[in-house]
Amino acid sequence: MFLAITFGGIMSFIMLFGQETGIQNVGIYFVGHVSMILISRPFAGKLFDHKGHAFVIVPGIVLMIAGLLMLSYSTTTYMLIASSLFYGLGYGAAHPSLQAWAIARSPAERKGAANGTFLSSLDLGYSVGAVLLGLIATHTNYAAMYRISILFLVAFAAIYGYHLIRNKQGNLKKHEYSEKLA
């Protein structure tokens, strides 16, 4: 959901951001964004399969943060396009990897429910992003709103990092227990 909040802000307010900054044809943002999604997904899937979710999700979140930061400081079409490439590459890696990870972690009889829950959380994030970030923009400006939206990705990274650490500690305890039994 946190990932989708930021994209909800981009989809909802990129045109108004363009008006605010004087950038013409801001719709070009989505050309770069979608291009990078199409390019990144096959590579992200292979990396996910061979190295695991963290090798795809962590860099994806970092790229999304970089893209949002670049977007918030964009004053030219070139900066806007560069930000779309970073954000699109990160989103194209993180989004399907999160979905695959959620489904893989679910028991066979709950895989459909896991996928439905994942997709519902994205829909909720898009909606919350549009409303919440819109409220933020009314009290600041669109550039500041995009910078503030980075906090949602930071929150996601913190939750994800906590999960990785907790699982690593759990796996270490299982390993220590197995050694004691041997």
C-alpha atoms as a PDB file:
ATOM      1  CA  MET A   1       0.000   0.000   0.000  1.00  0.00           C
ATOM      2  CA  PHE A   2       2.810   2.447   0.863  1.00  0.00           C
ATOM      3  CA  LEU A   3       4.358   1.884  -2.555  1.00  0.00           C
ATOM      4  CA  ALA A   4       1.057   2.663  -4.262  1.00  0.00           C
ATOM      5  CA  ILE A   5       0.490   5.863  -2.270  1.00  0.00           C
ATOM      6  CA  THR A   6       3.425   7.517  -4.021  1.00  0.00           C
ATOM      7  CA  PHE A   7       2.264   6.399  -7.451  1.00  0.00           C
ATOM      8  CA  GLY A   8      -1.251   7.632  -6.646  1.00  0.00           C
ATOM      9  CA  GLY A   9       0.284  11.064  -6.042  1.00  0.00           C
ATOM     10  CA  ILE A  10       2.106  10.974  -9.350  1.00  0.00           C
ATOM     11  CA  MET A  11      -0.930   9.859 -11.361  1.00  0.00           C
ATOM     12  CA  SER A  12      -3.210  12.390  -9.708  1.00  0.00           C
ATOM     13  CA  PHE A  13      -1.016  15.479  -9.652  1.00  0.00           C
ATOM     14  CA  ILE A  14       1.660  15.315 -12.344  1.00  0.00           C
ATOM     15  CA  MET A  15      -0.300  17.635 -14.637  1.00  0.00           C
ATOM     16  CA  LEU A  16      -0.771  20.193 -11.866  1.00  0.00           C
ATOM     17  CA  PHE A  17       2.913  19.856 -10.982  1.00  0.00           C
ATOM     18  CA  GLY A  18       3.714  20.659 -14.616  1.00  0.00           C
ATOM     19  CA  GLN A  19       1.564  23.791 -14.454  1.00  0.00           C
ATOM     20  CA  GLU A  20       3.185  24.828 -11.188  1.00  0.00           C
ATOM     21  CA  THR A  21       6.722  24.410 -12.536  1.00  0.00           C
ATOM     22  CA  GLY A  22       6.048  25.538 -16.101  1.00  0.00           C
ATOM     23  CA  ILE A  23       7.088  22.196 -17.619  1.00  0.00           C
ATOM     24  CA  GLN A  24       5.212  21.616 -20.865  1.00  0.00           C
ATOM     25  CA  ASN A  25       3.929  18.189 -21.923  1.00  0.00           C
ATOM     26  CA  VAL A  26       4.359  16.486 -18.547  1.00  0.00           C
ATOM     27  CA  GLY A  27       2.495  13.491 -19.948  1.00  0.00           C
ATOM     28  CA  ILE A  28       5.895  12.426 -21.303  1.00  0.00           C
ATOM     29  CA  TYR A  29       6.592  11.335 -17.727  1.00  0.00           C
ATOM     30  CA  PHE A  30       4.428   8.262 -18.260  1.00  0.00           C
ATOM     31  CA  VAL A  31       6.265   7.295 -21.465  1.00  0.00           C
ATOM     32  CA  GLY A  32       9.520   7.026 -19.518  1.00  0.00           C
ATOM     33  CA  HIS A  33       7.809   5.388 -16.563  1.00  0.00           C
ATOM     34  CA  VAL A  34       6.073   2.692 -18.608  1.00  0.00           C
ATOM     35  CA  SER A  35       9.150   2.098 -20.768  1.00  0.00           C
ATOM     36  CA  MET A  36      11.241   1.339 -17.710  1.00  0.00           C
ATOM     37  CA  ILE A  37       8.558  -0.939 -16.278  1.00  0.00           C
ATOM     38  CA  LEU A  38       8.529  -2.940 -19.520  1.00  0.00           C
ATOM     39  CA  ILE A  39      12.325  -3.138 -19.571  1.00  0.00           C
ATOM     40  CA  SER A  40      12.812  -3.940 -15.890  1.00  0.00           C
ATOM     41  CA  ARG A  41      10.205  -6.625 -15.269  1.00  0.00           C
ATOM     42  CA  PRO A  42      11.866  -9.516 -17.109  1.00  0.00           C
ATOM     43  CA  PHE A  43      15.224  -8.819 -15.445  1.00  0.00           C
ATOM     44  CA  ALA A  44      13.640  -8.271 -12.044  1.00  0.00           C
ATOM     45  CA  GLY A  45      11.805 -11.582 -12.310  1.00  0.00           C
ATOM     46  CA  LYS A  46      14.984 -13.498 -13.115  1.00  0.00           C
ATOM     47  CA  LEU A  47      16.887 -11.755 -10.326  1.00  0.00           C
ATOM     48  CA  PHE A  48      14.022 -12.514  -7.919  1.00  0.00           C
ATOM     49  CA  ASP A  49      14.123 -16.194  -8.881  1.00  0.00           C
ATOM     50  CA  HIS A  50      17.905 -16.505  -8.558  1.00  0.00           C
ATOM     51  CA  LYS A  51      18.782 -14.165  -5.673  1.00  0.00           C
ATOM     52  CA  GLY A  52      15.553 -13.638  -3.754  1.00  0.00           C
ATOM     53  CA  HIS A  53      13.137 -10.815  -3.081  1.00  0.00           C
ATOM     54  CA  ALA A  54      15.504  -8.512  -1.180  1.00  0.00           C
ATOM     55  CA  PHE A  55      17.855  -8.260  -4.184  1.00  0.00           C
ATOM     56  CA  VAL A  56      15.014  -6.759  -6.206  1.00  0.00           C
ATOM     57  CA  ILE A  57      12.799  -4.955  -3.706  1.00  0.00           C
ATOM     58  CA  VAL A  58      15.502  -2.971  -1.865  1.00  0.00           C
ATOM     59  CA  PRO A  59      17.081  -1.479  -5.018  1.00  0.00           C
ATOM     60  CA  GLY A  60      13.569  -0.899  -6.396  1.00  0.00           C
ATOM     61  CA  ILE A  61      12.609   1.190  -3.382  1.00  0.00           C
ATOM     62  CA  VAL A  62      15.894   3.133  -3.556  1.00  0.00           C
ATOM     63  CA  LEU A  63      15.280   3.885  -7.248  1.00  0.00           C
ATOM     64  CA  MET A  64      11.714   5.001  -6.516  1.00  0.00           C
ATOM     65  CA  ILE A  65      12.950   7.334  -3.782  1.00  0.00           C
ATOM     66  CA  ALA A  66      15.563   8.760  -6.163  1.00  0.00           C
ATOM     67  CA  GLY A  67      12.898   9.202  -8.856  1.00  0.00           C
ATOM     68  CA  LEU A  68      10.548  11.041  -6.495  1.00  0.00           C
ATOM     69  CA  LEU A  69      13.338  13.266  -5.243  1.00  0.00           C
ATOM     70  CA  MET A  70      14.375  14.086  -8.813  1.00  0.00           C
ATOM     71  CA  LEU A  71      10.757  14.732  -9.740  1.00  0.00           C
ATOM     72  CA  SER A  72      10.309  17.134  -6.860  1.00  0.00           C
ATOM     73  CA  TYR A  73      13.259  19.213  -8.097  1.00  0.00           C
ATOM     74  CA  SER A  74      12.392  18.968 -11.794  1.00  0.00           C
ATOM     75  CA  THR A  75      12.251  22.270 -13.648  1.00  0.00           C
ATOM     76  CA  THR A  76      12.829  20.998 -17.194  1.00  0.00           C
ATOM     77  CA  THR A  77      11.435  18.262 -19.385  1.00  0.00           C
ATOM     78  CA  TYR A  78      14.789  16.460 -19.269  1.00  0.00           C
ATOM     79  CA  MET A  79      14.764  16.342 -15.472  1.00  0.00           C
ATOM     80  CA  LEU A  80      11.168  15.140 -15.579  1.00  0.00           C
ATOM     81  CA  ILE A  81      12.077  12.333 -17.986  1.00  0.00           C
ATOM     82  CA  ALA A  82      15.101  11.327 -15.892  1.00  0.00           C
ATOM     83  CA  SER A  83      12.910  11.134 -12.788  1.00  0.00           C
ATOM     84  CA  SER A  84      10.393   8.977 -14.648  1.00  0.00           C
ATOM     85  CA  LEU A  85      13.131   6.559 -15.676  1.00  0.00           C
ATOM     86  CA  PHE A  86      14.360   6.112 -12.105  1.00  0.00           C
ATOM     87  CA  TYR A  87      10.885   5.821 -10.599  1.00  0.00           C
ATOM     88  CA  GLY A  88       9.669   3.503 -13.383  1.00  0.00           C
ATOM     89  CA  LEU A  89      12.684   1.233 -13.051  1.00  0.00           C
ATOM     90  CA  GLY A  90      12.161   0.982  -9.293  1.00  0.00           C
ATOM     91  CA  TYR A  91       8.411   0.487  -9.546  1.00  0.00           C
ATOM     92  CA  GLY A  92       8.826  -2.081 -12.321  1.00  0.00           C
ATOM     93  CA  ALA A  93      11.170  -4.086 -10.103  1.00  0.00           C
ATOM     94  CA  ALA A  94       9.481  -3.705  -6.715  1.00  0.00           C
ATOM     95  CA  HIS A  95       5.803  -4.083  -7.607  1.00  0.00           C
ATOM     96  CA  PRO A  96       5.819  -7.536  -9.259  1.00  0.00           C
ATOM     97  CA  SER A  97       8.449  -8.789  -6.817  1.00  0.00           C
ATOM     98  CA  LEU A  98       6.257  -7.854  -3.871  1.00  0.00           C
ATOM     99  CA  GLN A  99       3.310  -9.578  -5.496  1.00  0.00           C
ATOM    100  CA  ALA A 100       5.290 -12.735  -6.256  1.00  0.00           C
ATOM    101  CA  TRP A 101       6.727 -12.768  -2.741  1.00  0.00           C
ATOM    102  CA  ALA A 102       3.272 -12.381  -1.147  1.00  0.00           C
ATOM    103  CA  ILE A 103       1.876 -15.239  -3.190  1.00  0.00           C
ATOM    104  CA  ALA A 104       4.909 -17.490  -2.655  1.00  0.00           C
ATOM    105  CA  ARG A 105       4.643 -17.069   1.129  1.00  0.00           C
ATOM    106  CA  SER A 106       1.012 -18.152   1.177  1.00  0.00           C
ATOM    107  CA  PRO A 107      -0.253 -21.717   1.592  1.00  0.00           C
ATOM    108  CA  ALA A 108      -1.530 -23.263  -1.638  1.00  0.00           C
ATOM    109  CA  GLU A 109      -5.176 -22.905  -0.616  1.00  0.00           C
ATOM    110  CA  ARG A 110      -4.711 -19.175   0.171  1.00  0.00           C
ATOM    111  CA  LYS A 111      -2.734 -18.012  -2.898  1.00  0.00           C
ATOM    112  CA  GLY A 112      -5.824 -16.503  -4.525  1.00  0.00           C
ATOM    113  CA  ALA A 113      -6.686 -14.635  -1.328  1.00  0.00           C
ATOM    114  CA  ALA A 114      -3.091 -13.414  -1.026  1.00  0.00           C
ATOM    115  CA  ASN A 115      -3.176 -12.066  -4.578  1.00  0.00           C
ATOM    116  CA  GLY A 116      -6.554 -10.420  -3.986  1.00  0.00           C
ATOM    117  CA  THR A 117      -5.338  -8.822  -0.765  1.00  0.00           C
ATOM    118  CA  PHE A 118      -2.198  -7.556  -2.497  1.00  0.00           C
ATOM    119  CA  LEU A 119      -4.181  -6.008  -5.353  1.00  0.00           C
ATOM    120  CA  SER A 120      -6.716  -4.487  -2.944  1.00  0.00           C
ATOM    121  CA  SER A 121      -3.896  -2.902  -0.963  1.00  0.00           C
ATOM    122  CA  LEU A 122      -2.584  -1.328  -4.171  1.00  0.00           C
ATOM    123  CA  ASP A 123      -6.025   0.076  -4.979  1.00  0.00           C
ATOM    124  CA  LEU A 124      -6.296   1.429  -1.455  1.00  0.00           C
ATOM    125  CA  GLY A 125      -2.834   2.976  -1.733  1.00  0.00           C
ATOM    126  CA  TYR A 126      -3.681   4.720  -5.021  1.00  0.00           C
ATOM    127  CA  SER A 127      -6.834   6.175  -3.452  1.00  0.00           C
ATOM    128  CA  VAL A 128      -5.185   7.174  -0.175  1.00  0.00           C
ATOM    129  CA  GLY A 129      -2.298   8.673  -2.143  1.00  0.00           C
ATOM    130  CA  ALA A 130      -4.591  10.852  -4.199  1.00  0.00           C
ATOM    131  CA  VAL A 131      -6.520  12.126  -1.184  1.00  0.00           C
ATOM    132  CA  LEU A 132      -3.761  12.415   1.405  1.00  0.00           C
ATOM    133  CA  LEU A 133      -1.135  13.836  -0.923  1.00  0.00           C
ATOM    134  CA  GLY A 134      -3.735  16.220  -2.337  1.00  0.00           C
ATOM    135  CA  LEU A 135      -4.308  17.549   1.177  1.00  0.00           C
ATOM    136  CA  ILE A 136      -0.570  17.943   1.642  1.00  0.00           C
ATOM    137  CA  ALA A 137      -0.288  19.813  -1.675  1.00  0.00           C
ATOM    138  CA  THR A 138      -3.005  22.288  -0.657  1.00  0.00           C
ATOM    139  CA  HIS A 139      -0.873  23.293   2.339  1.00  0.00           C
ATOM    140  CA  THR A 140       2.496  23.244   0.539  1.00  0.00           C
ATOM    141  CA  ASN A 141       3.098  22.826  -3.193  1.00  0.00           C
ATOM    142  CA  TYR A 142       3.421  19.837  -5.504  1.00  0.00           C
ATOM    143  CA  ALA A 143       7.213  19.676  -5.289  1.00  0.00           C
ATOM    144  CA  ALA A 144       7.050  19.524  -1.483  1.00  0.00           C
ATOM    145  CA  MET A 145       4.243  16.986  -1.717  1.00  0.00           C
ATOM    146  CA  TYR A 146       6.463  14.660  -3.774  1.00  0.00           C
ATOM    147  CA  ARG A 147       9.299  15.078  -1.271  1.00  0.00           C
ATOM    148  CA  ILE A 148       6.936  14.305   1.606  1.00  0.00           C
ATOM    149  CA  SER A 149       5.577  11.253  -0.244  1.00  0.00           C
ATOM    150  CA  ILE A 150       9.073   9.760   0.012  1.00  0.00           C
ATOM    151  CA  LEU A 151       8.263   9.185   3.689  1.00  0.00           C
ATOM    152  CA  PHE A 152       5.807   6.473   2.660  1.00  0.00           C
ATOM    153  CA  LEU A 153       8.587   4.619   0.873  1.00  0.00           C
ATOM    154  CA  VAL A 154      10.855   5.102   3.876  1.00  0.00           C
ATOM    155  CA  ALA A 155       8.101   3.653   6.096  1.00  0.00           C
ATOM    156  CA  PHE A 156       7.761   0.716   3.715  1.00  0.00           C
ATOM    157  CA  ALA A 157      11.546   0.183   3.761  1.00  0.00           C
ATOM    158  CA  ALA A 158      11.541   0.232   7.574  1.00  0.00           C
ATOM    159  CA  ILE A 159       8.739  -2.343   7.786  1.00  0.00           C
ATOM    160  CA  TYR A 160      10.368  -4.494   5.129  1.00  0.00           C
ATOM    161  CA  GLY A 161      13.783  -4.206   6.813  1.00  0.00           C
ATOM    162  CA  TYR A 162      12.259  -5.203  10.151  1.00  0.00           C
ATOM    163  CA  HIS A 163      10.734  -8.249   8.466  1.00  0.00           C
ATOM    164  CA  LEU A 164      14.075  -9.225   6.913  1.00  0.00           C
ATOM    165  CA  ILE A 165      15.885  -8.901  10.244  1.00  0.00           C
ATOM    166  CA  ARG A 166      13.190 -10.802  12.124  1.00  0.00           C
ATOM    167  CA  ASN A 167      13.235 -13.647   9.601  1.00  0.00           C
ATOM    168  CA  LYS A 168      17.022 -13.805   9.633  1.00  0.00           C
ATOM    169  CA  GLN A 169      17.013 -14.060  13.435  1.00  0.00           C
ATOM    170  CA  GLY A 170      14.294 -16.709  13.284  1.00  0.00           C
ATOM    171  CA  ASN A 171      16.307 -18.712  10.765  1.00  0.00           C
ATOM    172  CA  LEU A 172      19.410 -18.443  12.966  1.00  0.00           C
ATOM    173  CA  LYS A 173      17.454 -19.750  15.959  1.00  0.00           C
ATOM    174  CA  LYS A 174      16.120 -22.661  13.877  1.00  0.00           C
ATOM    175  CA  HIS A 175      19.673 -23.438  12.744  1.00  0.00           C
ATOM    176  CA  GLU A 176      21.013 -23.304  16.327  1.00  0.00           C
ATOM    177  CA  TYR A 177      18.178 -25.556  17.494  1.00  0.00           C
ATOM    178  CA  SER A 178      18.895 -28.052  14.690  1.00  0.00           C
ATOM    179  CA  GLU A 179      22.580 -28.117  15.665  1.00  0.00           C
ATOM    180  CA  LYS A 180      21.680 -28.834  19.304  1.00  0.00           C
ATOM    181  CA  LEU A 181      19.518 -31.753  18.211  1.00  0.00           C
ATOM    182  CA  ALA A 182      22.337 -33.160  16.082  1.00  0.00           C
END
